Each structure stands twice: as structure tokens, then as C-alpha cells.
Amino acid sequence: MSYEQAFSTMLLNDGVEESTMMKTPCLRYRGSFLIMMFDKEDALIIKVSPERVNELIFSGIGMEFNFTKKRFKEWVLIPLEFQDDYEAYINEALIYAKEKDKK
């Protein structure tokens, strides 16, 4: 599933809404950042646990997001070469957001 299709499908979930961040369309869950395409790096940004961010980076799938020279501990870049798995990563970000919302 393409990023655009996954983006549209996610909007069907309760609490998920389209927004913008850094002048770019993104998705939020109950106001909190969820995902977006980061065109500067040709990569998807997802928000997941810091442990998952580290797992994705160490596995060679993810890249650290430090656009402002500061590492975002819950954000990870997933390059286009892994776009066949974007739907799964987007779903993972939603699951993480729902878990955080319960706390």
C-alpha cells in the first residue's frame, strides 16, 4: 500500500486527523503527532517508543531524526526503500499513540 493510501486509510480511525507540521501534511492522533513524509530525506517519519526507534536504527531500517540538531527520541525516519512496509509502520505508530493516550 502506498503512503498516500495508508494516509487516507488512517483517517478512518477514531481520533486520527489530518494536520500540518513544518508546512507538510501529517497525521495526528488526538492532537499528538503520528506520522508524515519528510520530503527532504525521502522518508516516512513515525512516532514510536524510544526503544523501538533504537531497534529500527540498529537494524538498518530506520534513521535518526535530528532535523534541528537535536535527536527526537520518539521519531524515526523510514526511507523510501522500505515503502512496501509503510502501512505496518504507520499502524505501529497509531498503536503507540493509543497506548500513550491511555496513560
C-alpha atoms as a PDB file:
ATOM      1  CA  MET A   1       0.000   0.000   0.000  1.00  0.00           C
ATOM      2  CA  SER A   2       1.360   3.419  -0.944  1.00  0.00           C
ATOM      3  CA  TYR A   3       1.941   6.141   1.622  1.00  0.00           C
ATOM      4  CA  GLU A   4      -0.986   8.112   0.206  1.00  0.00           C
ATOM      5  CA  GLN A   5      -3.332   5.122   0.514  1.00  0.00           C
ATOM      6  CA  ALA A   6      -2.149   4.346   4.054  1.00  0.00           C
ATOM      7  CA  PHE A   7      -2.530   8.033   4.978  1.00  0.00           C
ATOM      8  CA  SER A   8      -6.145   8.044   3.732  1.00  0.00           C
ATOM      9  CA  THR A   9      -6.936   4.742   5.425  1.00  0.00           C
ATOM     10  CA  MET A  10      -5.618   6.011   8.767  1.00  0.00           C
ATOM     11  CA  LEU A  11      -8.095   8.890   8.643  1.00  0.00           C
ATOM     12  CA  LEU A  12     -10.864   6.311   9.107  1.00  0.00           C
ATOM     13  CA  ASN A  13      -9.635   5.671  12.670  1.00  0.00           C
ATOM     14  CA  ASP A  14     -11.357   7.480  15.506  1.00  0.00           C
ATOM     15  CA  GLY A  15      -9.135  10.256  16.833  1.00  0.00           C
ATOM     16  CA  VAL A  16      -6.909  10.457  13.738  1.00  0.00           C
ATOM     17  CA  GLU A  17      -6.929  13.770  11.911  1.00  0.00           C
ATOM     18  CA  GLU A  18      -5.023  15.440   9.117  1.00  0.00           C
ATOM     19  CA  SER A  19      -2.861  18.381  10.117  1.00  0.00           C
ATOM     20  CA  THR A  20       0.441  20.012   9.162  1.00  0.00           C
ATOM     21  CA  MET A  21       3.884  20.128  10.653  1.00  0.00           C
ATOM     22  CA  MET A  22       6.825  22.014   9.155  1.00  0.00           C
ATOM     23  CA  LYS A  23       4.431  23.093   6.360  1.00  0.00           C
ATOM     24  CA  THR A  24       3.897  19.423   5.463  1.00  0.00           C
ATOM     25  CA  PRO A  25       0.725  17.318   5.724  1.00  0.00           C
ATOM     26  CA  CYS A  26       0.837  14.965   8.687  1.00  0.00           C
ATOM     27  CA  LEU A  27      -1.453  12.830  10.775  1.00  0.00           C
ATOM     28  CA  ARG A  28      -2.161  13.366  14.449  1.00  0.00           C
ATOM     29  CA  TYR A  29      -3.909  11.198  16.985  1.00  0.00           C
ATOM     30  CA  ARG A  30      -5.959  13.279  19.406  1.00  0.00           C
ATOM     31  CA  GLY A  31      -3.698  16.244  18.682  1.00  0.00           C
ATOM     32  CA  SER A  32      -0.367  14.439  19.053  1.00  0.00           C
ATOM     33  CA  PHE A  33       1.958  13.912  16.103  1.00  0.00           C
ATOM     34  CA  LEU A  34       1.706  10.474  14.497  1.00  0.00           C
ATOM     35  CA  ILE A  35       3.314  10.341  11.019  1.00  0.00           C
ATOM     36  CA  MET A  36       4.363  12.357   7.966  1.00  0.00           C
ATOM     37  CA  MET A  37       6.501  12.133   4.861  1.00  0.00           C
ATOM     38  CA  PHE A  38       9.722  14.107   5.207  1.00  0.00           C
ATOM     39  CA  ASP A  39      10.496  15.052   1.628  1.00  0.00           C
ATOM     40  CA  LYS A  40      13.925  16.448   2.493  1.00  0.00           C
ATOM     41  CA  GLU A  41      15.053  12.882   3.299  1.00  0.00           C
ATOM     42  CA  ASP A  42      12.557  10.957   1.105  1.00  0.00           C
ATOM     43  CA  ALA A  43      11.452   9.121   4.215  1.00  0.00           C
ATOM     44  CA  LEU A  44       8.452   8.491   6.410  1.00  0.00           C
ATOM     45  CA  ILE A  45       8.636   9.817   9.973  1.00  0.00           C
ATOM     46  CA  ILE A  46       6.803   7.799  12.596  1.00  0.00           C
ATOM     47  CA  LYS A  47       6.459   8.377  16.318  1.00  0.00           C
ATOM     48  CA  VAL A  48       7.102   5.217  18.339  1.00  0.00           C
ATOM     49  CA  SER A  49       8.743   4.338  21.648  1.00  0.00           C
ATOM     50  CA  PRO A  50      12.393   5.298  22.143  1.00  0.00           C
ATOM     51  CA  GLU A  51      13.229   1.575  22.385  1.00  0.00           C
ATOM     52  CA  ARG A  52      11.558   0.916  19.024  1.00  0.00           C
ATOM     53  CA  VAL A  53      13.369   3.884  17.477  1.00  0.00           C
ATOM     54  CA  ASN A  54      16.671   2.348  18.584  1.00  0.00           C
ATOM     55  CA  GLU A  55      15.655  -1.094  17.269  1.00  0.00           C
ATOM     56  CA  LEU A  56      14.817   0.320  13.848  1.00  0.00           C
ATOM     57  CA  ILE A  57      18.051   2.303  13.678  1.00  0.00           C
ATOM     58  CA  PHE A  58      20.226  -0.614  14.811  1.00  0.00           C
ATOM     59  CA  SER A  59      18.519  -2.971  12.346  1.00  0.00           C
ATOM     60  CA  GLY A  60      19.442  -0.645   9.477  1.00  0.00           C
ATOM     61  CA  ILE A  61      15.832   0.176   8.612  1.00  0.00           C
ATOM     62  CA  GLY A  62      15.448   3.463  10.470  1.00  0.00           C
ATOM     63  CA  MET A  63      17.482   6.630  10.543  1.00  0.00           C
ATOM     64  CA  GLU A  64      17.773   9.082  13.418  1.00  0.00           C
ATOM     65  CA  PHE A  65      15.662  12.218  13.031  1.00  0.00           C
ATOM     66  CA  ASN A  66      17.666  15.252  14.136  1.00  0.00           C
ATOM     67  CA  PHE A  67      16.472  17.981  11.789  1.00  0.00           C
ATOM     68  CA  THR A  68      17.077  20.687  14.398  1.00  0.00           C
ATOM     69  CA  LYS A  69      20.399  19.183  15.534  1.00  0.00           C
ATOM     70  CA  LYS A  70      18.515  17.657  18.458  1.00  0.00           C
ATOM     71  CA  ARG A  71      17.655  13.976  18.452  1.00  0.00           C
ATOM     72  CA  PHE A  72      13.922  13.287  18.689  1.00  0.00           C
ATOM     73  CA  LYS A  73      13.839  10.195  20.881  1.00  0.00           C
ATOM     74  CA  GLU A  74      10.396   9.030  19.687  1.00  0.00           C
ATOM     75  CA  TRP A  75      10.775   9.871  15.985  1.00  0.00           C
ATOM     76  CA  VAL A  76      12.444   7.722  13.372  1.00  0.00           C
ATOM     77  CA  LEU A  77      12.849   8.083   9.607  1.00  0.00           C
ATOM     78  CA  ILE A  78      11.961   5.094   7.427  1.00  0.00           C
ATOM     79  CA  PRO A  79      13.500   5.549   3.933  1.00  0.00           C
ATOM     80  CA  LEU A  80      11.553   5.008   0.712  1.00  0.00           C
ATOM     81  CA  GLU A  81      13.338   1.717   0.105  1.00  0.00           C
ATOM     82  CA  PHE A  82      11.084   0.285   2.831  1.00  0.00           C
ATOM     83  CA  GLN A  83       7.858   1.801   1.498  1.00  0.00           C
ATOM     84  CA  ASP A  84       6.300  -1.638   0.979  1.00  0.00           C
ATOM     85  CA  ASP A  85       6.149  -1.806   4.791  1.00  0.00           C
ATOM     86  CA  TYR A  86       4.907   1.752   5.386  1.00  0.00           C
ATOM     87  CA  GLU A  87       1.389   0.593   6.230  1.00  0.00           C
ATOM     88  CA  ALA A  88       2.742  -1.617   9.035  1.00  0.00           C
ATOM     89  CA  TYR A  89       4.933   1.195  10.402  1.00  0.00           C
ATOM     90  CA  ILE A  90       2.026   3.645  10.275  1.00  0.00           C
ATOM     91  CA  ASN A  91      -0.183   1.168  12.156  1.00  0.00           C
ATOM     92  CA  GLU A  92       2.588   0.697  14.693  1.00  0.00           C
ATOM     93  CA  ALA A  93       2.686   4.463  15.270  1.00  0.00           C
ATOM     94  CA  LEU A  94      -1.084   4.514  15.843  1.00  0.00           C
ATOM     95  CA  ILE A  95      -0.873   1.655  18.340  1.00  0.00           C
ATOM     96  CA  TYR A  96       1.870   3.527  20.214  1.00  0.00           C
ATOM     97  CA  ALA A  97      -0.190   6.740  20.241  1.00  0.00           C
ATOM     98  CA  LYS A  98      -3.236   4.898  21.599  1.00  0.00           C
ATOM     99  CA  GLU A  99      -1.128   3.299  24.347  1.00  0.00           C
ATOM    100  CA  LYS A 100       0.293   6.691  25.361  1.00  0.00           C
ATOM    101  CA  ASP A 101      -3.198   8.181  25.342  1.00  0.00           C
ATOM    102  CA  LYS A 102      -4.347   5.609  27.937  1.00  0.00           C
ATOM    103  CA  LYS A 103      -1.691   6.743  30.427  1.00  0.00           C
END
